[in-house]
Amino acid sequence: MQGQMPQEIEVWYIMPALRREIAKSLIKDFNFTQKQVAEYMGLTEAAVSQYLSSKRGKDVVFSDAVSSEIKKSAKRIKDDKNVIISEMMRLCNLMAVKKVMCDIHKKQDQALPKKCGICLNKI
C-alpha cells in the first residue's frame, strides 16, 4: 500500500505539531491566554485547547534545535501576529523539519527507494 504524499504529511503531521509547539510557547514563555493564542494564530479556542492537551499534533517530536527555532518564531509572532504565515513557512523549510517529514514518509511507504530524497528536495 502506498503512503501519503509529502505535502499530505506536512499538512496532517508537521503543521499541527508546529502549531502545538508555537501555542505552548506563547502560553508558557509569553503568558498568552488560549484566547490570545487563537487570535494570533487564526485558530479557534477549541483548536488551541486540543493542541495544548495533545489531541492534535501529538505524533511528531522535534529536536532541541527545531524547538529552539519554534521558540524564536513564537517570539516573532508575539511581537507581530501578521508574521504567522511567514514563520510557519520558515519552520516547514528547516532541513531538520524536512527530515522529520521524510522519516514519516518512509515509515508510511515501504515502496520508497532507500535513497529517496523527495521530502528533502533532493531528487
C-alpha atoms as a PDB file:
ATOM      1  CA  MET A   1       0.000   0.000   0.000  1.00  0.00           C
ATOM      2  CA  GLN A   2       1.328   3.408  -0.929  1.00  0.00           C
ATOM      3  CA  GLY A   3       1.551   6.039   1.807  1.00  0.00           C
ATOM      4  CA  GLN A   4       0.743   9.703   1.717  1.00  0.00           C
ATOM      5  CA  MET A   5       2.463  12.277  -0.433  1.00  0.00           C
ATOM      6  CA  PRO A   6       4.982  14.571   1.324  1.00  0.00           C
ATOM      7  CA  GLN A   7       2.564  17.513   1.144  1.00  0.00           C
ATOM      8  CA  GLU A   8      -0.109  15.464   2.921  1.00  0.00           C
ATOM      9  CA  ILE A   9       2.363  14.525   5.650  1.00  0.00           C
ATOM     10  CA  GLU A  10       3.226  18.187   6.051  1.00  0.00           C
ATOM     11  CA  VAL A  11      -0.454  19.127   6.427  1.00  0.00           C
ATOM     12  CA  TRP A  12      -1.508  16.193   8.620  1.00  0.00           C
ATOM     13  CA  TYR A  13       1.568  15.836  10.852  1.00  0.00           C
ATOM     14  CA  ILE A  14       4.115  18.649  10.615  1.00  0.00           C
ATOM     15  CA  MET A  15       1.835  21.712  10.619  1.00  0.00           C
ATOM     16  CA  PRO A  16      -0.254  20.549  13.599  1.00  0.00           C
ATOM     17  CA  ALA A  17       2.908  19.746  15.565  1.00  0.00           C
ATOM     18  CA  LEU A  18       4.378  23.172  14.784  1.00  0.00           C
ATOM     19  CA  ARG A  19       1.111  24.864  15.795  1.00  0.00           C
ATOM     20  CA  ARG A  20       1.092  22.853  19.027  1.00  0.00           C
ATOM     21  CA  GLU A  21       4.608  23.953  19.916  1.00  0.00           C
ATOM     22  CA  ILE A  22       4.029  27.604  18.991  1.00  0.00           C
ATOM     23  CA  ALA A  23       0.831  27.654  21.076  1.00  0.00           C
ATOM     24  CA  LYS A  24       2.645  26.115  24.034  1.00  0.00           C
ATOM     25  CA  SER A  25       5.475  28.626  23.744  1.00  0.00           C
ATOM     26  CA  LEU A  26       3.146  31.628  23.516  1.00  0.00           C
ATOM     27  CA  ILE A  27       1.393  30.492  26.697  1.00  0.00           C
ATOM     28  CA  LYS A  28       4.430  29.319  28.672  1.00  0.00           C
ATOM     29  CA  ASP A  29       7.031  31.861  27.579  1.00  0.00           C
ATOM     30  CA  PHE A  30       4.856  34.930  26.971  1.00  0.00           C
ATOM     31  CA  ASN A  31       1.867  34.399  29.289  1.00  0.00           C
ATOM     32  CA  PHE A  32      -0.698  34.407  26.496  1.00  0.00           C
ATOM     33  CA  THR A  33      -4.181  33.118  27.189  1.00  0.00           C
ATOM     34  CA  GLN A  34      -5.728  30.461  24.958  1.00  0.00           C
ATOM     35  CA  LYS A  35      -7.964  33.190  23.545  1.00  0.00           C
ATOM     36  CA  GLN A  36      -4.937  35.327  22.616  1.00  0.00           C
ATOM     37  CA  VAL A  37      -3.180  32.342  21.022  1.00  0.00           C
ATOM     38  CA  ALA A  38      -6.292  31.589  18.973  1.00  0.00           C
ATOM     39  CA  GLU A  39      -6.485  35.203  17.795  1.00  0.00           C
ATOM     40  CA  TYR A  40      -2.791  35.442  16.916  1.00  0.00           C
ATOM     41  CA  MET A  41      -2.697  32.087  15.144  1.00  0.00           C
ATOM     42  CA  GLY A  42      -6.038  32.325  13.365  1.00  0.00           C
ATOM     43  CA  LEU A  43      -7.441  29.307  15.184  1.00  0.00           C
ATOM     44  CA  THR A  44     -10.472  28.604  17.330  1.00  0.00           C
ATOM     45  CA  GLU A  45     -10.041  28.403  21.090  1.00  0.00           C
ATOM     46  CA  ALA A  46     -11.158  24.773  20.846  1.00  0.00           C
ATOM     47  CA  ALA A  47      -8.330  24.030  18.408  1.00  0.00           C
ATOM     48  CA  VAL A  48      -5.806  25.671  20.739  1.00  0.00           C
ATOM     49  CA  SER A  49      -7.164  23.584  23.616  1.00  0.00           C
ATOM     50  CA  GLN A  50      -6.725  20.427  21.543  1.00  0.00           C
ATOM     51  CA  TYR A  51      -3.143  21.368  20.713  1.00  0.00           C
ATOM     52  CA  LEU A  52      -2.360  22.035  24.357  1.00  0.00           C
ATOM     53  CA  SER A  53      -3.889  18.745  25.500  1.00  0.00           C
ATOM     54  CA  SER A  54      -2.039  16.884  22.722  1.00  0.00           C
ATOM     55  CA  LYS A  55      -5.235  15.815  20.987  1.00  0.00           C
ATOM     56  CA  ARG A  56      -3.804  17.435  17.850  1.00  0.00           C
ATOM     57  CA  GLY A  57      -0.225  17.425  16.645  1.00  0.00           C
ATOM     58  CA  LYS A  58       0.945  14.783  19.097  1.00  0.00           C
ATOM     59  CA  ASP A  59       2.555  12.434  16.590  1.00  0.00           C
ATOM     60  CA  VAL A  60       5.709  14.477  15.967  1.00  0.00           C
ATOM     61  CA  VAL A  61       8.512  15.245  18.384  1.00  0.00           C
ATOM     62  CA  PHE A  62      11.053  17.844  17.339  1.00  0.00           C
ATOM     63  CA  SER A  63      14.747  18.003  18.164  1.00  0.00           C
ATOM     64  CA  ASP A  64      16.093  20.614  20.564  1.00  0.00           C
ATOM     65  CA  ALA A  65      17.405  22.616  17.600  1.00  0.00           C
ATOM     66  CA  VAL A  66      13.955  22.748  15.983  1.00  0.00           C
ATOM     67  CA  SER A  67      12.345  23.535  19.348  1.00  0.00           C
ATOM     68  CA  SER A  68      14.703  26.487  19.663  1.00  0.00           C
ATOM     69  CA  GLU A  69      13.654  27.743  16.220  1.00  0.00           C
ATOM     70  CA  ILE A  70       9.992  27.323  17.188  1.00  0.00           C
ATOM     71  CA  LYS A  71      10.569  29.496  20.256  1.00  0.00           C
ATOM     72  CA  LYS A  72      12.171  32.154  18.043  1.00  0.00           C
ATOM     73  CA  SER A  73       9.112  32.029  15.803  1.00  0.00           C
ATOM     74  CA  ALA A  74       6.787  32.298  18.804  1.00  0.00           C
ATOM     75  CA  LYS A  75       8.595  35.455  19.901  1.00  0.00           C
ATOM     76  CA  ARG A  76       8.324  36.937  16.412  1.00  0.00           C
ATOM     77  CA  ILE A  77       4.610  36.069  16.346  1.00  0.00           C
ATOM     78  CA  LYS A  78       4.146  37.613  19.797  1.00  0.00           C
ATOM     79  CA  ASP A  79       5.713  40.817  18.510  1.00  0.00           C
ATOM     80  CA  ASP A  80       3.717  40.833  15.255  1.00  0.00           C
ATOM     81  CA  LYS A  81       0.837  38.426  14.664  1.00  0.00           C
ATOM     82  CA  ASN A  82       0.997  39.190  10.941  1.00  0.00           C
ATOM     83  CA  VAL A  83       4.154  37.069  10.589  1.00  0.00           C
ATOM     84  CA  ILE A  84       2.408  33.773  11.417  1.00  0.00           C
ATOM     85  CA  ILE A  85       2.367  32.588   7.795  1.00  0.00           C
ATOM     86  CA  SER A  86       5.971  33.510   7.070  1.00  0.00           C
ATOM     87  CA  GLU A  87       7.116  31.895  10.328  1.00  0.00           C
ATOM     88  CA  MET A  88       5.212  28.687   9.588  1.00  0.00           C
ATOM     89  CA  MET A  89       6.794  28.619   6.131  1.00  0.00           C
ATOM     90  CA  ARG A  90      10.241  29.249   7.633  1.00  0.00           C
ATOM     91  CA  LEU A  91       9.804  26.400  10.098  1.00  0.00           C
ATOM     92  CA  CYS A  92       8.480  23.985   7.468  1.00  0.00           C
ATOM     93  CA  ASN A  93      11.517  24.728   5.312  1.00  0.00           C
ATOM     94  CA  LEU A  94      14.069  23.909   8.024  1.00  0.00           C
ATOM     95  CA  MET A  95      16.100  20.902   6.938  1.00  0.00           C
ATOM     96  CA  ALA A  96      15.572  19.221  10.338  1.00  0.00           C
ATOM     97  CA  VAL A  97      11.790  19.526   9.918  1.00  0.00           C
ATOM     98  CA  LYS A  98      12.029  18.172   6.382  1.00  0.00           C
ATOM     99  CA  LYS A  99      13.994  15.221   7.810  1.00  0.00           C
ATOM    100  CA  VAL A 100      11.150  14.505  10.256  1.00  0.00           C
ATOM    101  CA  MET A 101       8.722  14.614   7.327  1.00  0.00           C
ATOM    102  CA  CYS A 102      10.991  12.283   5.341  1.00  0.00           C
ATOM    103  CA  ASP A 103      11.128   9.791   8.243  1.00  0.00           C
ATOM    104  CA  ILE A 104       7.322   9.732   8.495  1.00  0.00           C
ATOM    105  CA  HIS A 105       7.048   9.286   4.716  1.00  0.00           C
ATOM    106  CA  LYS A 106       9.483   6.340   4.730  1.00  0.00           C
ATOM    107  CA  LYS A 107       7.559   4.649   7.564  1.00  0.00           C
ATOM    108  CA  GLN A 108       4.306   5.002   5.655  1.00  0.00           C
ATOM    109  CA  ASP A 109       5.533   3.943   2.227  1.00  0.00           C
ATOM    110  CA  GLN A 110       7.770   0.884   2.241  1.00  0.00           C
ATOM    111  CA  ALA A 111       7.987   1.063  -1.572  1.00  0.00           C
ATOM    112  CA  LEU A 112      10.105   4.235  -1.483  1.00  0.00           C
ATOM    113  CA  PRO A 113      13.667   3.703  -2.683  1.00  0.00           C
ATOM    114  CA  LYS A 114      16.345   3.622   0.029  1.00  0.00           C
ATOM    115  CA  LYS A 115      17.984   6.804  -1.255  1.00  0.00           C
ATOM    116  CA  CYS A 116      14.725   8.699  -1.723  1.00  0.00           C
ATOM    117  CA  GLY A 117      15.090  12.431  -1.186  1.00  0.00           C
ATOM    118  CA  ILE A 118      11.700  13.733  -2.257  1.00  0.00           C
ATOM    119  CA  CYS A 119      10.871  15.296   1.116  1.00  0.00           C
ATOM    120  CA  LEU A 120      14.293  16.883   1.283  1.00  0.00           C
ATOM    121  CA  ASN A 121      14.002  18.287  -2.258  1.00  0.00           C
ATOM    122  CA  LYS A 122      16.913  16.078  -3.336  1.00  0.00           C
ATOM    123  CA  ILE A 123      15.523  14.404  -6.406  1.00  0.00           C
END
